């Protein structure tokens, strides 16, 4: 597995989704220590990287806060697999 540059770590909680649809390019990310919408806006614009089991890196960008509890919405260059839900990501 590839070691990434140290930075903040977050956890992918789910795809961005609606009642009947989900978008695998967009993910909801939770970062420990970020517990308000105001703190979440401080991370908007930063890069995100998810490393797969095979070592492939899928990169994305934080585009907005999600809700009022500090969750973030990130858009990835490719769709992230279902195995990524619950996995850690690096915020650079």
C-alpha atoms as a PDB file:
ATOM      1  CA  UNK A   1       0.000   0.000   0.000  1.00  0.00           C
ATOM      2  CA  UNK A   2       1.264   3.464  -0.896  1.00  0.00           C
ATOM      3  CA  UNK A   3       2.134   5.853   1.951  1.00  0.00           C
ATOM      4  CA  UNK A   4       0.687   9.323   1.413  1.00  0.00           C
ATOM      5  CA  UNK A   5       1.952  12.677   2.613  1.00  0.00           C
ATOM      6  CA  UNK A   6       0.916  13.258   6.210  1.00  0.00           C
ATOM      7  CA  UNK A   7      -2.058  15.523   6.645  1.00  0.00           C
ATOM      8  CA  UNK A   8      -5.498  15.334   8.137  1.00  0.00           C
ATOM      9  CA  UNK A   9      -7.414  12.076   8.013  1.00  0.00           C
ATOM     10  CA  UNK A  10     -11.098  11.677   7.423  1.00  0.00           C
ATOM     11  CA  UNK A  11     -13.540   8.806   7.016  1.00  0.00           C
ATOM     12  CA  UNK A  12     -15.884   8.307   4.064  1.00  0.00           C
ATOM     13  CA  UNK A  13     -19.341   7.882   5.564  1.00  0.00           C
ATOM     14  CA  UNK A  14     -21.483   7.489   2.466  1.00  0.00           C
ATOM     15  CA  UNK A  15     -22.077   8.526  -1.101  1.00  0.00           C
ATOM     16  CA  UNK A  16     -24.019  11.705  -1.655  1.00  0.00           C
ATOM     17  CA  UNK A  17     -27.462  10.307  -2.233  1.00  0.00           C
ATOM     18  CA  UNK A  18     -31.142  10.888  -2.429  1.00  0.00           C
ATOM     19  CA  UNK A  19     -34.059   8.657  -1.725  1.00  0.00           C
ATOM     20  CA  UNK A  20     -33.864   6.745  -5.008  1.00  0.00           C
ATOM     21  CA  UNK A  21     -30.383   7.565  -6.303  1.00  0.00           C
ATOM     22  CA  UNK A  22     -26.748   7.774  -5.279  1.00  0.00           C
ATOM     23  CA  UNK A  23     -23.766   9.462  -6.839  1.00  0.00           C
ATOM     24  CA  UNK A  24     -20.525   7.442  -6.467  1.00  0.00           C
ATOM     25  CA  UNK A  25     -18.377  10.415  -7.526  1.00  0.00           C
ATOM     26  CA  UNK A  26     -19.526  12.449  -4.531  1.00  0.00           C
ATOM     27  CA  UNK A  27     -18.873  11.356  -0.959  1.00  0.00           C
ATOM     28  CA  UNK A  28     -19.678  12.587   2.531  1.00  0.00           C
ATOM     29  CA  UNK A  29     -16.516  12.753   4.668  1.00  0.00           C
ATOM     30  CA  UNK A  30     -16.314  13.173   8.437  1.00  0.00           C
ATOM     31  CA  UNK A  31     -13.117  14.550  10.000  1.00  0.00           C
ATOM     32  CA  UNK A  32     -12.443  14.141  13.734  1.00  0.00           C
ATOM     33  CA  UNK A  33     -12.266  17.529  15.438  1.00  0.00           C
ATOM     34  CA  UNK A  34     -14.471  19.249  12.857  1.00  0.00           C
ATOM     35  CA  UNK A  35     -17.827  19.506  14.588  1.00  0.00           C
ATOM     36  CA  UNK A  36     -19.501  22.590  13.142  1.00  0.00           C
ATOM     37  CA  UNK A  37     -20.412  23.955   9.742  1.00  0.00           C
ATOM     38  CA  UNK A  38     -18.136  26.963  10.331  1.00  0.00           C
ATOM     39  CA  UNK A  39     -15.074  24.729  10.934  1.00  0.00           C
ATOM     40  CA  UNK A  40     -15.974  22.609   7.901  1.00  0.00           C
ATOM     41  CA  UNK A  41     -15.834  25.640   5.599  1.00  0.00           C
ATOM     42  CA  UNK A  42     -12.157  26.012   6.555  1.00  0.00           C
ATOM     43  CA  UNK A  43     -11.394  22.808   4.618  1.00  0.00           C
ATOM     44  CA  UNK A  44     -13.299  23.708   1.438  1.00  0.00           C
ATOM     45  CA  UNK A  45     -10.942  23.687  -1.547  1.00  0.00           C
ATOM     46  CA  UNK A  46      -8.457  21.161  -0.131  1.00  0.00           C
ATOM     47  CA  UNK A  47      -7.507  17.991  -2.009  1.00  0.00           C
ATOM     48  CA  UNK A  48      -8.609  14.520  -0.880  1.00  0.00           C
ATOM     49  CA  UNK A  49      -6.984  11.196  -1.733  1.00  0.00           C
ATOM     50  CA  UNK A  50      -8.381   7.688  -1.303  1.00  0.00           C
ATOM     51  CA  UNK A  51      -5.967   4.774  -1.719  1.00  0.00           C
ATOM     52  CA  UNK A  52      -7.499   1.470  -2.854  1.00  0.00           C
ATOM     53  CA  UNK A  53      -6.353  -1.957  -1.651  1.00  0.00           C
ATOM     54  CA  UNK A  54      -4.348  -2.382  -4.862  1.00  0.00           C
ATOM     55  CA  UNK A  55      -2.538   0.935  -4.365  1.00  0.00           C
ATOM     56  CA  UNK A  56      -4.474   2.987  -6.889  1.00  0.00           C
ATOM     57  CA  UNK A  57      -5.110   6.565  -5.759  1.00  0.00           C
ATOM     58  CA  UNK A  58      -8.412   8.284  -6.471  1.00  0.00           C
ATOM     59  CA  UNK A  59      -8.154  12.002  -5.891  1.00  0.00           C
ATOM     60  CA  UNK A  60     -10.851  14.556  -5.303  1.00  0.00           C
ATOM     61  CA  UNK A  61     -11.602  17.970  -3.900  1.00  0.00           C
ATOM     62  CA  UNK A  62     -13.683  19.196  -0.964  1.00  0.00           C
ATOM     63  CA  UNK A  63     -16.384  21.433  -2.398  1.00  0.00           C
ATOM     64  CA  UNK A  64     -18.837  22.186   0.418  1.00  0.00           C
ATOM     65  CA  UNK A  65     -19.990  21.462   3.937  1.00  0.00           C
ATOM     66  CA  UNK A  66     -22.746  18.889   4.403  1.00  0.00           C
ATOM     67  CA  UNK A  67     -25.232  19.645   7.141  1.00  0.00           C
ATOM     68  CA  UNK A  68     -24.537  21.515  10.380  1.00  0.00           C
ATOM     69  CA  UNK A  69     -22.368  18.934  12.185  1.00  0.00           C
ATOM     70  CA  UNK A  70     -19.103  19.442  10.292  1.00  0.00           C
ATOM     71  CA  UNK A  71     -19.389  16.798   7.560  1.00  0.00           C
ATOM     72  CA  UNK A  72     -17.812  17.601   4.191  1.00  0.00           C
ATOM     73  CA  UNK A  73     -18.837  16.904   0.615  1.00  0.00           C
ATOM     74  CA  UNK A  74     -16.069  15.854  -1.767  1.00  0.00           C
ATOM     75  CA  UNK A  75     -16.166  15.248  -5.505  1.00  0.00           C
ATOM     76  CA  UNK A  76     -13.748  12.602  -6.802  1.00  0.00           C
ATOM     77  CA  UNK A  77     -12.277  12.313 -10.297  1.00  0.00           C
ATOM     78  CA  UNK A  78     -13.605   8.741 -10.693  1.00  0.00           C
ATOM     79  CA  UNK A  79     -16.343   6.938  -8.840  1.00  0.00           C
ATOM     80  CA  UNK A  80     -15.180   5.464  -5.559  1.00  0.00           C
ATOM     81  CA  UNK A  81     -15.991   1.787  -4.948  1.00  0.00           C
ATOM     82  CA  UNK A  82     -18.422   0.564  -2.323  1.00  0.00           C
ATOM     83  CA  UNK A  83     -15.497  -0.808  -0.291  1.00  0.00           C
ATOM     84  CA  UNK A  84     -14.430   2.811   0.291  1.00  0.00           C
ATOM     85  CA  UNK A  85     -17.355   3.496   2.615  1.00  0.00           C
ATOM     86  CA  UNK A  86     -15.900   3.480   6.117  1.00  0.00           C
ATOM     87  CA  UNK A  87     -12.335   3.783   4.803  1.00  0.00           C
ATOM     88  CA  UNK A  88      -9.881   6.550   5.624  1.00  0.00           C
ATOM     89  CA  UNK A  89      -8.898   9.336   3.255  1.00  0.00           C
ATOM     90  CA  UNK A  90      -6.053  11.848   3.399  1.00  0.00           C
ATOM     91  CA  UNK A  91      -6.850  15.553   3.270  1.00  0.00           C
ATOM     92  CA  UNK A  92      -3.904  17.474   1.849  1.00  0.00           C
END
